[in-house]
Amino acid sequence: MSASADLIQRQLDAYNAQDIEAFMRCYADDAVLAGLNGVVNQEGHEAIRSRHLALFAEFPQNKAELANRIDLGTTVIDHERVERAPGGDRFDVAAIYTLRNGEIARVDFAKAGAV
């Protein structure tokens, strides 16, 4: 596994464990989260931390399963299947990770069915 894929897997594992500290260690201080071809939704550690703490509180059984990964070095694209709770809402998402200096600098999300 490449260093890029390893970083993204550590981030996914921390997300699934809802381990906010391990999750945030994967992100650059100035990282951004955005919708694909859309506006930036969160910028910087505090905004990303707040978003995920709220998500983990609202969906304590939330899990993302990796369906496919494309590793292009400084860009890693994951197709993930997300389930908010057993038997709950499910959706597919493409997460396009841009890496810089061994950290996630940007994530663009494309959610299935989103326009």
C-alpha atoms as a PDB file:
ATOM      1  CA  MET A   1       0.000   0.000   0.000  1.00  0.00           C
ATOM      2  CA  SER A   2       1.361   3.430  -0.906  1.00  0.00           C
ATOM      3  CA  ALA A   3       1.865   6.171   1.692  1.00  0.00           C
ATOM      4  CA  SER A   4      -1.076   8.053   0.137  1.00  0.00           C
ATOM      5  CA  ALA A   5      -3.436   5.077   0.348  1.00  0.00           C
ATOM      6  CA  ASP A   6      -2.204   4.353   3.885  1.00  0.00           C
ATOM      7  CA  LEU A   7      -3.074   7.904   4.998  1.00  0.00           C
ATOM      8  CA  ILE A   8      -6.563   7.689   3.495  1.00  0.00           C
ATOM      9  CA  GLN A   9      -7.129   4.261   5.070  1.00  0.00           C
ATOM     10  CA  ARG A  10      -6.036   5.582   8.496  1.00  0.00           C
ATOM     11  CA  GLN A  11      -8.494   8.447   8.068  1.00  0.00           C
ATOM     12  CA  LEU A  12     -11.306   6.042   7.075  1.00  0.00           C
ATOM     13  CA  ASP A  13     -10.527   3.744  10.007  1.00  0.00           C
ATOM     14  CA  ALA A  14     -10.573   6.703  12.427  1.00  0.00           C
ATOM     15  CA  TYR A  15     -13.866   7.910  10.901  1.00  0.00           C
ATOM     16  CA  ASN A  16     -15.436   4.478  11.419  1.00  0.00           C
ATOM     17  CA  ALA A  17     -14.098   4.291  14.981  1.00  0.00           C
ATOM     18  CA  GLN A  18     -15.332   7.867  15.531  1.00  0.00           C
ATOM     19  CA  ASP A  19     -11.874   8.655  16.903  1.00  0.00           C
ATOM     20  CA  ILE A  20     -11.772  12.407  16.328  1.00  0.00           C
ATOM     21  CA  GLU A  21      -8.118  12.802  17.402  1.00  0.00           C
ATOM     22  CA  ALA A  22      -6.812  10.121  15.030  1.00  0.00           C
ATOM     23  CA  PHE A  23      -9.096  11.467  12.297  1.00  0.00           C
ATOM     24  CA  MET A  24      -7.835  15.037  12.652  1.00  0.00           C
ATOM     25  CA  ARG A  25      -4.175  13.934  12.615  1.00  0.00           C
ATOM     26  CA  CYS A  26      -4.718  13.037   8.946  1.00  0.00           C
ATOM     27  CA  TYR A  27      -5.667  16.607   7.969  1.00  0.00           C
ATOM     28  CA  ALA A  28      -3.574  19.686   7.256  1.00  0.00           C
ATOM     29  CA  ASP A  29      -4.310  22.665   9.510  1.00  0.00           C
ATOM     30  CA  ASP A  30      -5.793  24.562   6.555  1.00  0.00           C
ATOM     31  CA  ALA A  31      -7.647  21.609   4.991  1.00  0.00           C
ATOM     32  CA  VAL A  32     -11.002  22.158   3.322  1.00  0.00           C
ATOM     33  CA  LEU A  33     -14.076  19.993   2.708  1.00  0.00           C
ATOM     34  CA  ALA A  34     -16.260  20.821  -0.285  1.00  0.00           C
ATOM     35  CA  GLY A  35     -18.977  19.495  -2.515  1.00  0.00           C
ATOM     36  CA  LEU A  36     -17.691  18.473  -5.931  1.00  0.00           C
ATOM     37  CA  ASN A  37     -17.732  21.560  -8.162  1.00  0.00           C
ATOM     38  CA  GLY A  38     -19.323  23.443  -5.283  1.00  0.00           C
ATOM     39  CA  VAL A  39     -18.464  25.743  -2.457  1.00  0.00           C
ATOM     40  CA  VAL A  40     -16.173  24.974   0.456  1.00  0.00           C
ATOM     41  CA  ASN A  41     -18.289  23.757   3.381  1.00  0.00           C
ATOM     42  CA  GLN A  42     -15.620  23.570   6.087  1.00  0.00           C
ATOM     43  CA  GLU A  43     -12.208  25.175   6.215  1.00  0.00           C
ATOM     44  CA  GLY A  44      -9.522  24.496   8.812  1.00  0.00           C
ATOM     45  CA  HIS A  45      -9.196  22.084  11.713  1.00  0.00           C
ATOM     46  CA  GLU A  46     -11.819  23.632  13.974  1.00  0.00           C
ATOM     47  CA  ALA A  47     -14.538  23.587  11.316  1.00  0.00           C
ATOM     48  CA  ILE A  48     -13.711  20.012  10.265  1.00  0.00           C
ATOM     49  CA  ARG A  49     -13.548  18.859  13.892  1.00  0.00           C
ATOM     50  CA  SER A  50     -16.886  20.510  14.718  1.00  0.00           C
ATOM     51  CA  ARG A  51     -18.581  18.968  11.675  1.00  0.00           C
ATOM     52  CA  HIS A  52     -17.426  15.476  12.558  1.00  0.00           C
ATOM     53  CA  LEU A  53     -18.140  15.731  16.276  1.00  0.00           C
ATOM     54  CA  ALA A  54     -21.720  16.718  15.391  1.00  0.00           C
ATOM     55  CA  LEU A  55     -21.963  13.893  12.834  1.00  0.00           C
ATOM     56  CA  PHE A  56     -20.633  11.319  15.312  1.00  0.00           C
ATOM     57  CA  ALA A  57     -23.073  12.535  17.981  1.00  0.00           C
ATOM     58  CA  GLU A  58     -26.053  12.383  15.613  1.00  0.00           C
ATOM     59  CA  PHE A  59     -25.095   9.014  14.068  1.00  0.00           C
ATOM     60  CA  PRO A  60     -23.149   6.989  16.663  1.00  0.00           C
ATOM     61  CA  GLN A  61     -23.343   3.839  14.502  1.00  0.00           C
ATOM     62  CA  ASN A  62     -22.347   5.580  11.249  1.00  0.00           C
ATOM     63  CA  LYS A  63     -19.942   3.538   9.103  1.00  0.00           C
ATOM     64  CA  ALA A  64     -18.342   3.995   5.693  1.00  0.00           C
ATOM     65  CA  GLU A  65     -17.354   0.893   3.755  1.00  0.00           C
ATOM     66  CA  LEU A  66     -14.725   1.172   1.050  1.00  0.00           C
ATOM     67  CA  ALA A  67     -16.087  -0.084  -2.277  1.00  0.00           C
ATOM     68  CA  ASN A  68     -13.158   0.988  -4.454  1.00  0.00           C
ATOM     69  CA  ARG A  69     -10.010   3.104  -4.235  1.00  0.00           C
ATOM     70  CA  ILE A  70      -7.982   4.772  -6.973  1.00  0.00           C
ATOM     71  CA  ASP A  71      -4.523   5.869  -5.846  1.00  0.00           C
ATOM     72  CA  LEU A  72      -2.909   8.504  -8.064  1.00  0.00           C
ATOM     73  CA  GLY A  73      -0.258   9.604  -5.581  1.00  0.00           C
ATOM     74  CA  THR A  74      -1.273  13.076  -4.423  1.00  0.00           C
ATOM     75  CA  THR A  75      -4.900  12.356  -5.342  1.00  0.00           C
ATOM     76  CA  VAL A  76      -6.807   9.403  -3.918  1.00  0.00           C
ATOM     77  CA  ILE A  77     -10.406   8.714  -4.894  1.00  0.00           C
ATOM     78  CA  ASP A  78     -12.563   6.513  -2.688  1.00  0.00           C
ATOM     79  CA  HIS A  79     -15.997   5.139  -3.533  1.00  0.00           C
ATOM     80  CA  GLU A  80     -17.615   4.628  -0.141  1.00  0.00           C
ATOM     81  CA  ARG A  81     -20.933   3.141   0.932  1.00  0.00           C
ATOM     82  CA  VAL A  82     -22.162   4.958   4.012  1.00  0.00           C
ATOM     83  CA  GLU A  83     -24.745   3.587   6.434  1.00  0.00           C
ATOM     84  CA  ARG A  84     -25.940   5.952   9.162  1.00  0.00           C
ATOM     85  CA  ALA A  85     -27.203   3.097  11.374  1.00  0.00           C
ATOM     86  CA  PRO A  86     -27.994  -0.593  10.911  1.00  0.00           C
ATOM     87  CA  GLY A  87     -31.106  -0.593   8.730  1.00  0.00           C
ATOM     88  CA  GLY A  88     -30.923   3.215   8.464  1.00  0.00           C
ATOM     89  CA  ASP A  89     -30.163   5.640   5.666  1.00  0.00           C
ATOM     90  CA  ARG A  90     -27.603   4.421   3.134  1.00  0.00           C
ATOM     91  CA  PHE A  91     -25.883   6.266   0.335  1.00  0.00           C
ATOM     92  CA  ASP A  92     -22.842   6.120  -1.922  1.00  0.00           C
ATOM     93  CA  VAL A  93     -20.252   8.876  -2.042  1.00  0.00           C
ATOM     94  CA  ALA A  94     -17.070   9.548  -3.973  1.00  0.00           C
ATOM     95  CA  ALA A  95     -14.469  11.259  -1.800  1.00  0.00           C
ATOM     96  CA  ILE A  96     -11.683  12.885  -3.800  1.00  0.00           C
ATOM     97  CA  TYR A  97      -8.734  13.482  -1.478  1.00  0.00           C
ATOM     98  CA  THR A  98      -5.977  15.923  -2.407  1.00  0.00           C
ATOM     99  CA  LEU A  99      -2.800  15.338  -0.406  1.00  0.00           C
ATOM    100  CA  ARG A 100      -0.006  17.768   0.430  1.00  0.00           C
ATOM    101  CA  ASN A 101       3.091  17.009   2.502  1.00  0.00           C
ATOM    102  CA  GLY A 102       1.666  13.741   3.802  1.00  0.00           C
ATOM    103  CA  GLU A 103      -1.641  15.255   4.957  1.00  0.00           C
ATOM    104  CA  ILE A 104      -5.114  15.646   3.513  1.00  0.00           C
ATOM    105  CA  ALA A 105      -5.361  19.199   2.180  1.00  0.00           C
ATOM    106  CA  ARG A 106      -8.774  18.990   0.508  1.00  0.00           C
ATOM    107  CA  VAL A 107     -11.699  16.601   0.122  1.00  0.00           C
ATOM    108  CA  ASP A 108     -14.337  17.025  -2.569  1.00  0.00           C
ATOM    109  CA  PHE A 109     -17.457  14.922  -2.106  1.00  0.00           C
ATOM    110  CA  ALA A 110     -19.834  13.691  -4.814  1.00  0.00           C
ATOM    111  CA  LYS A 111     -22.897  12.060  -3.290  1.00  0.00           C
ATOM    112  CA  ALA A 112     -24.995   9.684  -5.366  1.00  0.00           C
ATOM    113  CA  GLY A 113     -28.167  11.369  -6.549  1.00  0.00           C
ATOM    114  CA  ALA A 114     -26.923  14.888  -5.744  1.00  0.00           C
ATOM    115  CA  VAL A 115     -27.320  17.501  -8.445  1.00  0.00           C
END
